[in-house]
Structures are given as structure tokens and as C-alpha cells.
Amino acid sequence: KLSFADTYIGIQGGFIYSDNEGSADKNAQDLADASGNAVTYTYEEWTWGIRPYGGFSVNDKVSLEVGYIFSGSLDETYKGTASGTAWNYTQGATVDGVDGAVKFSFDNLYAKVGLHQLTIEAIAAFTASSFTYSGGASRSGTGFLLGGGYQDSLGEDLYWNAEYVYYDAVGGLSDATMSFFAVGIEKRF
């Protein structure tokens, strides 16, 4: 018999890693080809992430869990010249959305597999001389997630956890992935 006593809520915080090197290299090469000059660039692969979540224990080994993840911005900056005029292009991307997983517990260790619906929000700005253009776009889509972690009791139905989760096809883009390294606290009812 299932009851409210089988539920839990929690929050996790940590770091999100996304391998942006390939896209930053390609963007820089495209900009260099278009301007006819060398382009310098910097990019970020790490940002912060927060994930409140809740779940329902089906039995002592299996739970169903739903969360909402959101991130800080991963920024890329490109600089160059065209026809003697210096230009600067900056773009930043954040992620937010829901995930759901089946969580399998093995004493203090656990594994999870599930799906997510995430949105990538991108904001860009291009500046040349005294002209500036700003714009934004978003992309949403589904993908799978796979992860695992360690959890232990703090007493009085409070637990802490350390977790790693891989998110595939972020925003529905097959080449956009991210990894979430997190620690959290959980209250069981």
C-alpha cells in the first residue's frame, strides 16, 4: 500500500559541464573566414546548476523522481577586425527544464535512468565601432539522462547525496550534452 509516507523532497546544487570547445572552434573559424582576419576567442565549459526535486518510493529499491534544473550562463566571446574596424561578438547560453527518472537503490549507492525536457536560452550581442546588435533565441527538446550517486542519513529522515547525471540531447540538439555534478539534501516523509 502506497502512502504520503513514501514521498521525499530535496534540493541539489553543483556544477554543470558542457564541452563547448568544438562549437567555439567552429564559430571562430566561420568568423575568421567571413572577416578575412584572425579571430581570438574564449569560452566557458563550467557553470553552476541547481535542481529542486521530489520523489515517490515504490518500494525500498525503486523510486520515481521528478526535478527542475536550471543553470548559470556558459559564455563565448570572439574578437577580430574587418576592414580595419574592431568587432566583438559575445553569446551566452543557459539551460532550464524538467527531468524524470526511475531511481534504483543499492544500500547507499543508487543509479537512475530517465528523460528530460530542457530549454536552451541563448543571448548574443555583436558590437562594431559604435554599432551594437543584440538578440536571443531558445530551443527546447527531449533527451535521455543517466546517472548515479551516493546517499547517507543525517538522522531524523534527513539525507545527503552526491550525484553525477549525464544529460543527452539538451534542447533536443543531438550534439548538445551536459554533465551535472551535485550535492544535495533530502527530507523523507
Protein backbone atom coordinates (compact mmCIF):
# COMPACT_ATOMS: atom_id res chain seq x y z
CA LYS A 1 0.00 0.00 0.00
CA LEU A 2 1.42 3.38 -1.04
CA SER A 3 1.03 6.49 1.10
CA PHE A 4 2.33 10.03 1.62
CA ALA A 5 4.91 8.42 3.92
CA ASP A 6 6.66 7.11 0.78
CA THR A 7 7.49 10.61 -0.60
CA TYR A 8 10.55 12.83 -0.39
CA ILE A 9 11.69 16.31 -1.47
CA GLY A 10 15.16 17.74 -1.85
CA ILE A 11 17.46 20.24 -3.47
CA GLN A 12 20.82 19.80 -5.16
CA GLY A 13 23.45 22.31 -6.17
CA GLY A 14 26.66 21.89 -8.05
CA PHE A 15 28.43 22.37 -11.33
CA ILE A 16 27.39 21.76 -14.93
CA TYR A 17 29.99 20.85 -17.53
CA SER A 18 29.35 21.15 -21.26
CA ASP A 19 32.07 20.55 -23.86
CA ASN A 20 31.94 23.77 -25.90
CA GLU A 21 35.40 23.53 -27.45
CA GLY A 22 34.22 22.08 -30.77
CA SER A 23 31.46 24.65 -31.31
CA ALA A 24 33.72 27.53 -30.20
CA ASP A 25 36.45 26.41 -32.64
CA LYS A 26 33.93 26.17 -35.49
CA ASN A 27 32.37 29.57 -34.70
CA ALA A 28 35.81 31.20 -34.57
CA GLN A 29 36.79 29.67 -37.91
CA ASP A 30 33.49 30.77 -39.52
CA LEU A 31 34.01 34.33 -38.22
CA ALA A 32 37.64 34.36 -39.43
CA ASP A 33 36.55 33.15 -42.87
CA ALA A 34 33.83 35.84 -43.06
CA SER A 35 36.07 38.70 -41.89
CA GLY A 36 39.22 37.61 -43.68
CA ASN A 37 41.24 38.14 -40.49
CA ALA A 38 42.31 36.18 -37.42
CA VAL A 39 39.82 35.82 -34.58
CA THR A 40 40.64 35.41 -30.89
CA TYR A 41 38.13 33.75 -28.61
CA THR A 42 37.44 32.48 -25.12
CA TYR A 43 34.74 30.09 -23.94
CA GLU A 44 33.45 28.56 -20.72
CA GLU A 45 32.71 24.89 -20.12
CA TRP A 46 31.63 25.07 -16.44
CA THR A 47 28.78 26.89 -14.73
CA TRP A 48 26.58 26.43 -11.65
CA GLY A 49 23.38 24.40 -11.54
CA ILE A 50 20.50 24.00 -9.06
CA ARG A 51 17.90 21.23 -9.05
CA PRO A 52 14.92 21.05 -6.65
CA TYR A 53 13.23 17.63 -6.85
CA GLY A 54 10.66 15.31 -5.35
CA GLY A 55 10.03 11.63 -5.48
CA PHE A 56 7.92 8.69 -4.54
CA SER A 57 9.30 5.37 -3.27
CA VAL A 58 7.60 2.43 -4.95
CA ASN A 59 9.48 0.04 -2.64
CA ASP A 60 12.80 0.03 -0.76
CA LYS A 61 14.76 -0.39 -4.05
CA VAL A 62 12.82 1.67 -6.65
CA SER A 63 11.69 5.32 -6.66
CA LEU A 64 10.17 7.65 -9.23
CA GLU A 65 11.73 11.12 -9.19
CA VAL A 66 10.95 14.45 -10.91
CA GLY A 67 13.14 17.55 -10.81
CA TYR A 68 13.55 21.03 -12.27
CA ILE A 69 17.12 22.00 -13.22
CA PHE A 70 18.40 25.48 -14.08
CA SER A 71 21.88 26.81 -14.76
CA GLY A 72 24.12 29.82 -14.92
CA SER A 73 25.36 31.07 -18.28
CA LEU A 74 28.10 29.49 -20.40
CA ASP A 75 29.66 32.36 -22.33
CA GLU A 76 31.73 32.59 -25.52
CA THR A 77 33.49 35.78 -26.68
CA TYR A 78 35.03 36.38 -30.13
CA LYS A 79 37.12 39.40 -31.16
CA GLY A 80 38.54 40.44 -34.50
CA THR A 81 38.78 43.12 -37.16
CA ALA A 82 37.14 43.60 -40.54
CA SER A 83 38.16 46.38 -42.94
CA GLY A 84 40.18 47.99 -40.13
CA THR A 85 37.23 48.11 -37.71
CA ALA A 86 37.41 46.15 -34.45
CA TRP A 87 34.41 43.98 -33.61
CA ASN A 88 33.30 41.90 -30.62
CA TYR A 89 30.74 39.07 -30.54
CA THR A 90 29.51 37.55 -27.27
CA GLN A 91 26.99 34.79 -26.72
CA GLY A 92 25.75 33.15 -23.56
CA ALA A 93 23.51 30.14 -23.01
CA THR A 94 21.55 28.91 -20.00
CA VAL A 95 19.54 25.72 -19.53
CA ASP A 96 16.35 25.01 -17.60
CA GLY A 97 13.64 22.39 -17.59
CA VAL A 98 12.22 19.24 -16.05
CA ASP A 99 13.59 15.75 -15.72
CA GLY A 100 12.09 12.48 -14.58
CA ALA A 101 13.80 9.24 -13.71
CA VAL A 102 13.46 5.82 -12.21
CA LYS A 103 15.94 5.55 -9.33
CA PHE A 104 17.32 2.15 -8.29
CA SER A 105 18.82 1.97 -4.77
CA PHE A 106 21.55 -0.44 -3.70
CA ASP A 107 22.12 0.33 0.00
CA ASN A 108 23.85 3.75 -0.07
CA LEU A 109 24.53 3.70 -3.83
CA TYR A 110 21.92 4.42 -6.49
CA ALA A 111 21.53 4.61 -10.26
CA LYS A 112 18.94 6.49 -12.29
CA VAL A 113 17.71 6.46 -15.85
CA GLY A 114 15.09 8.72 -17.37
CA LEU A 115 14.08 11.52 -19.72
CA HIS A 116 14.31 15.30 -19.69
CA GLN A 117 12.64 18.24 -21.42
CA LEU A 118 15.18 21.08 -21.39
CA THR A 119 15.32 24.52 -22.99
CA ILE A 120 18.50 26.31 -24.05
CA GLU A 121 18.13 30.10 -23.83
CA ALA A 122 20.80 31.94 -25.83
CA ILE A 123 21.56 35.67 -25.86
CA ALA A 124 24.04 37.23 -28.26
CA ALA A 125 25.50 40.69 -28.87
CA PHE A 126 27.61 41.99 -31.76
CA THR A 127 29.47 45.28 -31.50
CA ALA A 128 31.47 47.04 -34.22
CA SER A 129 32.63 50.62 -33.75
CA SER A 130 29.58 52.37 -32.22
CA PHE A 131 27.00 49.90 -33.60
CA THR A 132 25.56 47.17 -31.34
CA TYR A 133 23.08 44.43 -32.19
CA SER A 134 21.55 42.18 -29.51
CA GLY A 135 19.24 39.24 -29.90
CA GLY A 136 18.19 35.95 -28.38
CA ALA A 137 16.75 32.58 -29.21
CA SER A 138 15.65 29.43 -27.45
CA ARG A 139 15.49 25.77 -28.34
CA SER A 140 13.55 23.07 -26.47
CA GLY A 141 13.55 19.33 -26.78
CA THR A 142 13.77 15.98 -25.07
CA GLY A 143 16.60 13.58 -24.39
CA PHE A 144 17.62 10.84 -22.01
CA LEU A 145 19.52 11.05 -18.74
CA LEU A 146 21.70 8.53 -16.96
CA GLY A 147 23.36 8.91 -13.59
CA GLY A 148 24.23 7.62 -10.19
CA GLY A 149 25.29 8.64 -6.76
CA TYR A 150 25.79 8.02 -3.08
CA GLN A 151 23.35 8.86 -0.28
CA ASP A 152 23.52 8.58 3.50
CA SER A 153 21.44 9.52 6.50
CA LEU A 154 21.89 12.66 8.57
CA GLY A 155 19.25 11.42 11.05
CA GLU A 156 15.58 12.34 11.58
CA ASP A 157 14.57 11.48 7.98
CA LEU A 158 17.21 13.85 6.53
CA TYR A 159 19.66 12.53 3.93
CA TRP A 160 22.57 13.99 1.96
CA ASN A 161 23.62 12.87 -1.50
CA ALA A 162 26.41 13.29 -4.04
CA GLU A 163 25.41 12.65 -7.63
CA TYR A 164 26.54 12.68 -11.26
CA VAL A 165 23.97 12.84 -14.09
CA TYR A 166 24.62 12.89 -17.84
CA TYR A 167 22.00 14.70 -19.98
CA ASP A 168 21.92 13.79 -23.68
CA ALA A 169 20.40 15.92 -26.50
CA VAL A 170 19.96 19.09 -24.39
CA GLY A 171 17.33 21.30 -26.02
CA GLY A 172 16.68 18.46 -28.45
CA LEU A 173 20.07 19.03 -30.12
CA SER A 174 21.87 15.73 -30.70
CA ASP A 175 25.35 17.23 -30.20
CA ALA A 176 24.48 19.25 -27.05
CA THR A 177 25.20 17.32 -23.86
CA MET A 178 25.86 18.27 -20.27
CA SER A 179 27.04 16.67 -17.04
CA PHE A 180 25.70 17.71 -13.62
CA PHE A 181 27.96 17.15 -10.59
CA ALA A 182 25.90 17.88 -7.48
CA VAL A 183 25.50 17.51 -3.74
CA GLY A 184 22.14 17.78 -2.06
CA ILE A 185 19.93 17.37 0.96
CA GLU A 186 16.69 15.41 1.08
CA LYS A 187 13.75 15.17 3.51
CA ARG A 188 11.80 11.91 3.59
CA PHE A 189 8.26 11.72 4.92
